[in-house]
C-alpha atoms as a PDB file:
ATOM      1  CA  UNK A   1       0.000   0.000   0.000  1.00  0.00           C
ATOM      2  CA  UNK A   2       1.623   3.294  -1.084  1.00  0.00           C
ATOM      3  CA  UNK A   3       1.842   6.125   1.429  1.00  0.00           C
ATOM      4  CA  UNK A   4       1.796   9.729   0.229  1.00  0.00           C
ATOM      5  CA  UNK A   5       3.483  12.153   2.617  1.00  0.00           C
ATOM      6  CA  UNK A   6       3.391  15.899   2.356  1.00  0.00           C
ATOM      7  CA  UNK A   7       4.141  19.006   4.334  1.00  0.00           C
ATOM      8  CA  UNK A   8       1.709  21.853   4.011  1.00  0.00           C
ATOM      9  CA  UNK A   9       2.221  25.395   5.174  1.00  0.00           C
ATOM     10  CA  UNK A  10      -1.254  26.661   5.946  1.00  0.00           C
ATOM     11  CA  UNK A  11      -3.577  27.473   8.795  1.00  0.00           C
ATOM     12  CA  UNK A  12      -5.421  24.648  10.548  1.00  0.00           C
ATOM     13  CA  UNK A  13      -8.675  25.137   8.619  1.00  0.00           C
ATOM     14  CA  UNK A  14      -6.989  25.003   5.215  1.00  0.00           C
ATOM     15  CA  UNK A  15      -4.969  21.958   6.241  1.00  0.00           C
ATOM     16  CA  UNK A  16      -8.143  20.134   7.289  1.00  0.00           C
ATOM     17  CA  UNK A  17      -9.782  21.223   4.015  1.00  0.00           C
ATOM     18  CA  UNK A  18      -6.979  19.582   2.005  1.00  0.00           C
ATOM     19  CA  UNK A  19      -7.185  16.404   4.120  1.00  0.00           C
ATOM     20  CA  UNK A  20     -10.964  16.160   3.683  1.00  0.00           C
ATOM     21  CA  UNK A  21     -10.653  16.823  -0.037  1.00  0.00           C
ATOM     22  CA  UNK A  22      -8.140  13.996  -0.381  1.00  0.00           C
ATOM     23  CA  UNK A  23     -10.291  11.619   1.692  1.00  0.00           C
ATOM     24  CA  UNK A  24     -13.209  12.171  -0.673  1.00  0.00           C
ATOM     25  CA  UNK A  25     -11.292  11.331  -3.862  1.00  0.00           C
ATOM     26  CA  UNK A  26     -11.871   7.611  -3.953  1.00  0.00           C
ATOM     27  CA  UNK A  27     -12.745   4.587  -1.873  1.00  0.00           C
ATOM     28  CA  UNK A  28      -9.103   3.567  -2.290  1.00  0.00           C
ATOM     29  CA  UNK A  29      -8.037   6.039   0.410  1.00  0.00           C
ATOM     30  CA  UNK A  30      -7.371   3.939   3.496  1.00  0.00           C
ATOM     31  CA  UNK A  31      -6.261   6.759   5.819  1.00  0.00           C
ATOM     32  CA  UNK A  32      -5.601  10.495   5.585  1.00  0.00           C
ATOM     33  CA  UNK A  33      -4.444  12.331   8.675  1.00  0.00           C
ATOM     34  CA  UNK A  34      -2.119  14.911  10.095  1.00  0.00           C
ATOM     35  CA  UNK A  35       0.730  13.394  12.060  1.00  0.00           C
ATOM     36  CA  UNK A  36       2.917  14.899  14.744  1.00  0.00           C
ATOM     37  CA  UNK A  37       6.243  15.040  12.921  1.00  0.00           C
ATOM     38  CA  UNK A  38       6.870  18.784  12.983  1.00  0.00           C
ATOM     39  CA  UNK A  39       8.992  18.670  16.152  1.00  0.00           C
ATOM     40  CA  UNK A  40      11.648  16.670  14.290  1.00  0.00           C
ATOM     41  CA  UNK A  41      11.930  19.334  11.600  1.00  0.00           C
ATOM     42  CA  UNK A  42      13.452  22.018  13.815  1.00  0.00           C
ATOM     43  CA  UNK A  43      17.192  22.141  13.192  1.00  0.00           C
ATOM     44  CA  UNK A  44      17.789  25.237  15.338  1.00  0.00           C
ATOM     45  CA  UNK A  45      16.667  24.540  18.891  1.00  0.00           C
ATOM     46  CA  UNK A  46      16.796  28.252  19.758  1.00  0.00           C
ATOM     47  CA  UNK A  47      13.708  28.863  17.598  1.00  0.00           C
ATOM     48  CA  UNK A  48      11.824  25.686  18.457  1.00  0.00           C
ATOM     49  CA  UNK A  49       8.679  26.280  20.433  1.00  0.00           C
ATOM     50  CA  UNK A  50       8.498  30.028  19.902  1.00  0.00           C
ATOM     51  CA  UNK A  51       5.090  31.535  19.326  1.00  0.00           C
ATOM     52  CA  UNK A  52       4.296  32.122  15.673  1.00  0.00           C
ATOM     53  CA  UNK A  53       0.682  33.236  15.944  1.00  0.00           C
ATOM     54  CA  UNK A  54       0.682  35.470  12.893  1.00  0.00           C
ATOM     55  CA  UNK A  55       1.830  33.041  10.251  1.00  0.00           C
ATOM     56  CA  UNK A  56       0.492  29.741   8.952  1.00  0.00           C
ATOM     57  CA  UNK A  57       1.731  26.567  10.567  1.00  0.00           C
ATOM     58  CA  UNK A  58       3.633  23.661   9.120  1.00  0.00           C
ATOM     59  CA  UNK A  59       1.599  20.451   9.073  1.00  0.00           C
ATOM     60  CA  UNK A  60       2.690  16.938   8.126  1.00  0.00           C
ATOM     61  CA  UNK A  61       0.086  14.711   6.471  1.00  0.00           C
ATOM     62  CA  UNK A  62       0.125  11.024   5.564  1.00  0.00           C
ATOM     63  CA  UNK A  63      -2.301   9.368   3.194  1.00  0.00           C
ATOM     64  CA  UNK A  64      -2.469   5.615   2.663  1.00  0.00           C
ATOM     65  CA  UNK A  65      -3.752   4.702  -0.789  1.00  0.00           C
ATOM     66  CA  UNK A  66      -4.799   1.303  -2.062  1.00  0.00           C
ATOM     67  CA  UNK A  67      -2.500   1.449  -5.114  1.00  0.00           C
ATOM     68  CA  UNK A  68      -0.123   3.699  -7.029  1.00  0.00           C
ATOM     69  CA  UNK A  69      -2.865   5.100  -9.304  1.00  0.00           C
ATOM     70  CA  UNK A  70      -4.836   6.300  -6.277  1.00  0.00           C
ATOM     71  CA  UNK A  71      -1.639   7.702  -4.756  1.00  0.00           C
ATOM     72  CA  UNK A  72      -1.111   9.799  -7.890  1.00  0.00           C
ATOM     73  CA  UNK A  73      -4.712  11.055  -7.658  1.00  0.00           C
ATOM     74  CA  UNK A  74      -3.960  12.080  -4.065  1.00  0.00           C
ATOM     75  CA  UNK A  75      -0.881  14.051  -5.121  1.00  0.00           C
ATOM     76  CA  UNK A  76      -2.729  15.885  -7.883  1.00  0.00           C
ATOM     77  CA  UNK A  77      -5.809  16.642  -5.771  1.00  0.00           C
ATOM     78  CA  UNK A  78      -3.803  17.819  -2.750  1.00  0.00           C
ATOM     79  CA  UNK A  79      -1.615  20.068  -4.890  1.00  0.00           C
ATOM     80  CA  UNK A  80      -4.590  21.609  -6.703  1.00  0.00           C
ATOM     81  CA  UNK A  81      -6.532  22.213  -3.482  1.00  0.00           C
ATOM     82  CA  UNK A  82      -3.510  23.718  -1.716  1.00  0.00           C
ATOM     83  CA  UNK A  83      -2.940  26.042  -4.674  1.00  0.00           C
ATOM     84  CA  UNK A  84      -6.561  27.227  -4.580  1.00  0.00           C
ATOM     85  CA  UNK A  85      -6.276  27.907  -0.847  1.00  0.00           C
ATOM     86  CA  UNK A  86      -2.981  29.766  -1.198  1.00  0.00           C
ATOM     87  CA  UNK A  87      -1.108  27.123   0.789  1.00  0.00           C
ATOM     88  CA  UNK A  88       2.348  25.751   0.082  1.00  0.00           C
ATOM     89  CA  UNK A  89       2.674  21.977  -0.276  1.00  0.00           C
ATOM     90  CA  UNK A  90       5.761  19.779  -0.526  1.00  0.00           C
ATOM     91  CA  UNK A  91       5.683  16.032  -1.179  1.00  0.00           C
ATOM     92  CA  UNK A  92       8.353  14.051   0.663  1.00  0.00           C
ATOM     93  CA  UNK A  93       9.462  10.435   1.005  1.00  0.00           C
ATOM     94  CA  UNK A  94       9.760  10.697   4.804  1.00  0.00           C
ATOM     95  CA  UNK A  95       9.418  13.363   7.494  1.00  0.00           C
END
């Protein structure tokens, strides 16, 4: 089962919008959820944990698809939805 992983820079509502959009693509979506991987992304511990209330957050999302064709649909749909919302999305192999 292929897993699509992406980071999205957006507010919480837009992130949930992208996740819900992806979940509704096809019955071949086994799981789509935000995971708690952001803590591992901080390379400079002096800035980790500081308040950043005025900018969008970084969210890590994993989607399990039934096959590679569905995984490609997920990538396309997530990218299109993020673009429409003004969010930045990056597909990665691992967090």
